């Protein structure tokens, strides 16, 4: 089954994993944005970090749902013999 999944499933799964990792890093260490990019987009009030966490959480949810649908599609195709 694993080898029969389309590339789309793998791309969505990997991107969902990356976005959730970045969201967790942002929650635990919000100053990483300033350290990496050497800029302070929100003037230190944390709004940019919270916005990033919200956006990344939504993207993670969408990617995970899409990967789940792709996984179920592959499972249904396999059970139907196609």
N, C-alpha and C. Protein backbone atom coordinates (compact mmCIF):
# COMPACT_ATOMS: atom_id res chain seq x y z
N UNK A 1 0.82 -1.20 0.00
CA UNK A 1 0.00 0.00 0.00
C UNK A 1 0.86 1.26 0.00
N UNK A 2 1.88 1.30 0.85
CA UNK A 2 2.70 2.50 0.97
C UNK A 2 3.35 2.86 -0.37
N UNK A 3 3.84 1.88 -1.08
CA UNK A 3 4.48 2.13 -2.37
C UNK A 3 3.51 2.53 -3.46
N UNK A 4 2.22 2.28 -3.25
CA UNK A 4 1.22 2.58 -4.26
C UNK A 4 0.64 3.99 -4.14
N UNK A 5 0.99 4.70 -3.08
CA UNK A 5 0.46 6.05 -2.90
C UNK A 5 1.10 7.01 -3.90
N UNK A 6 0.29 7.96 -4.38
CA UNK A 6 0.80 8.93 -5.34
C UNK A 6 1.74 9.93 -4.66
N UNK A 7 2.53 10.58 -5.49
CA UNK A 7 3.48 11.58 -5.00
C UNK A 7 2.75 12.71 -4.27
N UNK A 8 1.53 13.00 -4.68
CA UNK A 8 0.75 14.06 -4.04
C UNK A 8 0.60 13.82 -2.54
N UNK A 9 0.33 12.58 -2.16
CA UNK A 9 0.20 12.24 -0.74
C UNK A 9 1.48 12.57 0.01
N UNK A 10 2.61 12.19 -0.54
CA UNK A 10 3.89 12.40 0.12
C UNK A 10 4.22 13.88 0.23
N UNK A 11 3.97 14.64 -0.81
CA UNK A 11 4.23 16.08 -0.77
C UNK A 11 3.36 16.75 0.29
N UNK A 12 2.08 16.43 0.30
CA UNK A 12 1.17 17.01 1.29
C UNK A 12 1.55 16.61 2.70
N UNK A 13 1.94 15.36 2.90
CA UNK A 13 2.33 14.89 4.23
C UNK A 13 3.59 15.59 4.72
N UNK A 14 4.57 15.72 3.86
CA UNK A 14 5.84 16.36 4.24
C UNK A 14 5.61 17.84 4.52
N UNK A 15 4.84 18.51 3.68
CA UNK A 15 4.57 19.93 3.91
C UNK A 15 3.74 20.15 5.18
N UNK A 16 2.80 19.27 5.46
CA UNK A 16 2.02 19.38 6.70
C UNK A 16 2.93 19.22 7.91
N UNK A 17 3.86 18.30 7.83
CA UNK A 17 4.81 18.09 8.93
C UNK A 17 5.69 19.31 9.12
N UNK A 18 6.19 19.87 8.02
CA UNK A 18 7.04 21.06 8.12
C UNK A 18 6.29 22.26 8.70
N UNK A 19 5.06 22.45 8.26
CA UNK A 19 4.31 23.60 8.77
C UNK A 19 3.97 23.45 10.25
N UNK A 20 3.67 22.24 10.69
CA UNK A 20 3.38 22.07 12.12
C UNK A 20 4.66 22.24 12.95
N UNK A 21 5.79 21.82 12.43
CA UNK A 21 7.06 22.01 13.15
C UNK A 21 7.37 23.49 13.29
N UNK A 22 7.21 24.25 12.22
CA UNK A 22 7.47 25.70 12.29
C UNK A 22 6.48 26.38 13.23
N UNK A 23 5.23 25.95 13.23
CA UNK A 23 4.24 26.52 14.14
C UNK A 23 4.62 26.25 15.60
N UNK A 24 5.05 25.04 15.89
CA UNK A 24 5.46 24.71 17.27
C UNK A 24 6.71 25.49 17.66
N UNK A 25 7.65 25.60 16.75
CA UNK A 25 8.86 26.40 17.04
C UNK A 25 8.47 27.84 17.32
N UNK A 26 7.55 28.37 16.54
CA UNK A 26 7.12 29.75 16.74
C UNK A 26 6.40 29.91 18.08
N UNK A 27 5.63 28.91 18.48
CA UNK A 27 4.96 28.98 19.79
C UNK A 27 5.95 28.92 20.94
N UNK A 28 6.97 28.08 20.81
CA UNK A 28 7.92 27.90 21.91
C UNK A 28 9.03 28.94 21.93
N UNK A 29 9.40 29.45 20.75
CA UNK A 29 10.47 30.43 20.67
C UNK A 29 10.13 31.48 19.61
N UNK A 30 9.23 32.39 19.93
CA UNK A 30 8.76 33.34 18.93
C UNK A 30 9.83 34.29 18.40
N UNK A 31 10.92 34.44 19.08
CA UNK A 31 11.95 35.38 18.63
C UNK A 31 12.82 34.81 17.50
N UNK A 32 12.53 33.60 17.05
CA UNK A 32 13.35 33.03 15.97
C UNK A 32 13.22 33.84 14.69
N UNK A 33 12.09 34.47 14.47
CA UNK A 33 11.89 35.27 13.26
C UNK A 33 12.88 36.43 13.24
N UNK A 34 12.99 37.13 14.36
CA UNK A 34 13.92 38.24 14.45
C UNK A 34 15.37 37.76 14.32
N UNK A 35 15.67 36.60 14.90
CA UNK A 35 17.04 36.08 14.85
C UNK A 35 17.43 35.63 13.44
N UNK A 36 16.53 34.99 12.74
CA UNK A 36 16.84 34.46 11.41
C UNK A 36 16.83 35.56 10.35
N UNK A 37 15.79 36.38 10.36
CA UNK A 37 15.62 37.37 9.29
C UNK A 37 16.14 38.76 9.64
N UNK A 38 16.59 38.95 10.87
CA UNK A 38 17.14 40.22 11.33
C UNK A 38 16.18 41.40 11.11
N UNK A 39 14.91 41.15 11.40
CA UNK A 39 13.92 42.21 11.34
C UNK A 39 12.86 41.97 12.38
N UNK A 40 12.18 43.03 12.75
CA UNK A 40 11.13 42.95 13.76
C UNK A 40 9.83 43.48 13.15
N UNK A 41 9.06 42.59 12.49
CA UNK A 41 7.91 43.04 11.72
C UNK A 41 6.77 43.66 12.53
N UNK A 42 6.68 43.35 13.80
CA UNK A 42 5.56 43.84 14.60
C UNK A 42 5.97 44.80 15.70
N UNK A 43 7.20 45.22 15.69
CA UNK A 43 7.66 46.18 16.71
C UNK A 43 7.76 45.60 18.10
N UNK A 44 7.81 44.27 18.21
CA UNK A 44 8.01 43.63 19.50
C UNK A 44 6.75 43.23 20.24
N UNK A 45 5.57 43.43 19.67
CA UNK A 45 4.35 43.08 20.41
C UNK A 45 3.88 41.64 20.19
N UNK A 46 4.50 40.91 19.28
CA UNK A 46 4.18 39.49 19.09
C UNK A 46 3.04 39.21 18.13
N UNK A 47 2.48 40.22 17.52
CA UNK A 47 1.35 40.01 16.60
C UNK A 47 1.75 39.20 15.38
N UNK A 48 2.94 39.45 14.86
CA UNK A 48 3.40 38.72 13.67
C UNK A 48 3.57 37.23 14.00
N UNK A 49 4.09 36.94 15.17
CA UNK A 49 4.29 35.55 15.56
C UNK A 49 2.95 34.82 15.71
N UNK A 50 1.99 35.47 16.36
CA UNK A 50 0.68 34.85 16.52
C UNK A 50 -0.02 34.67 15.18
N UNK A 51 0.13 35.64 14.31
CA UNK A 51 -0.45 35.53 12.97
C UNK A 51 0.17 34.37 12.21
N UNK A 52 1.48 34.23 12.33
CA UNK A 52 2.18 33.13 11.67
C UNK A 52 1.70 31.79 12.20
N UNK A 53 1.51 31.67 13.50
CA UNK A 53 1.03 30.42 14.09
C UNK A 53 -0.37 30.09 13.58
N UNK A 54 -1.24 31.09 13.50
CA UNK A 54 -2.60 30.87 13.01
C UNK A 54 -2.57 30.42 11.55
N UNK A 55 -1.82 31.11 10.72
CA UNK A 55 -1.74 30.77 9.30
C UNK A 55 -1.14 29.38 9.12
N UNK A 56 -0.06 29.10 9.82
CA UNK A 56 0.57 27.77 9.70
C UNK A 56 -0.36 26.67 10.19
N UNK A 57 -1.14 26.94 11.22
CA UNK A 57 -2.09 25.94 11.70
C UNK A 57 -3.17 25.65 10.67
N UNK A 58 -3.66 26.69 10.03
CA UNK A 58 -4.66 26.50 8.97
C UNK A 58 -4.08 25.73 7.78
N UNK A 59 -2.87 26.09 7.38
CA UNK A 59 -2.22 25.40 6.27
C UNK A 59 -1.97 23.94 6.62
N UNK A 60 -1.54 23.69 7.86
CA UNK A 60 -1.31 22.31 8.30
C UNK A 60 -2.60 21.51 8.24
N UNK A 61 -3.68 22.09 8.73
CA UNK A 61 -4.97 21.41 8.71
C UNK A 61 -5.40 21.08 7.29
N UNK A 62 -5.29 22.04 6.39
CA UNK A 62 -5.69 21.82 4.99
C UNK A 62 -4.82 20.74 4.34
N UNK A 63 -3.52 20.81 4.54
CA UNK A 63 -2.62 19.81 3.96
C UNK A 63 -2.87 18.41 4.54
N UNK A 64 -3.09 18.34 5.83
CA UNK A 64 -3.34 17.04 6.46
C UNK A 64 -4.65 16.42 5.97
N UNK A 65 -5.68 17.24 5.84
CA UNK A 65 -6.96 16.73 5.31
C UNK A 65 -6.82 16.26 3.87
N UNK A 66 -6.09 17.01 3.09
CA UNK A 66 -5.87 16.64 1.70
C UNK A 66 -5.07 15.35 1.60
N UNK A 67 -4.04 15.21 2.43
CA UNK A 67 -3.24 13.97 2.43
C UNK A 67 -4.10 12.79 2.89
N UNK A 68 -4.97 13.03 3.84
CA UNK A 68 -5.86 11.95 4.31
C UNK A 68 -6.80 11.51 3.19
N UNK A 69 -7.35 12.47 2.47
CA UNK A 69 -8.22 12.12 1.34
C UNK A 69 -7.46 11.34 0.29
N UNK A 70 -6.23 11.74 0.03
CA UNK A 70 -5.40 11.04 -0.95
C UNK A 70 -5.09 9.62 -0.48
N UNK A 71 -4.82 9.47 0.81
CA UNK A 71 -4.55 8.15 1.37
C UNK A 71 -5.77 7.24 1.24
N UNK A 72 -6.93 7.80 1.58
CA UNK A 72 -8.18 7.02 1.49
C UNK A 72 -8.49 6.67 0.03
N UNK A 73 -8.19 7.58 -0.89
CA UNK A 73 -8.38 7.32 -2.31
C UNK A 73 -7.54 6.12 -2.74
N UNK A 74 -6.29 6.10 -2.32
CA UNK A 74 -5.41 4.98 -2.65
C UNK A 74 -5.90 3.68 -2.06
N UNK A 75 -6.42 3.74 -0.84
CA UNK A 75 -6.92 2.54 -0.19
C UNK A 75 -8.17 2.03 -0.90
N UNK A 76 -9.03 2.95 -1.34
CA UNK A 76 -10.24 2.52 -2.05
C UNK A 76 -9.89 1.92 -3.41
N UNK A 77 -8.93 2.51 -4.09
CA UNK A 77 -8.51 1.97 -5.39
C UNK A 77 -7.92 0.57 -5.23
N UNK A 78 -7.17 0.39 -4.16
CA UNK A 78 -6.54 -0.90 -3.92
C UNK A 78 -7.59 -1.97 -3.62
N UNK A 79 -8.61 -1.61 -2.83
CA UNK A 79 -9.64 -2.58 -2.45
C UNK A 79 -10.56 -2.91 -3.63
N UNK A 80 -10.67 -1.96 -4.58
CA UNK A 80 -11.54 -2.24 -5.74
C UNK A 80 -10.80 -2.99 -6.85
N UNK A 81 -9.49 -3.13 -6.69
CA UNK A 81 -8.71 -3.88 -7.68
C UNK A 81 -8.31 -3.08 -8.88
N UNK A 82 -8.43 -1.76 -8.82
CA UNK A 82 -8.08 -0.91 -9.97
C UNK A 82 -6.59 -0.66 -10.04
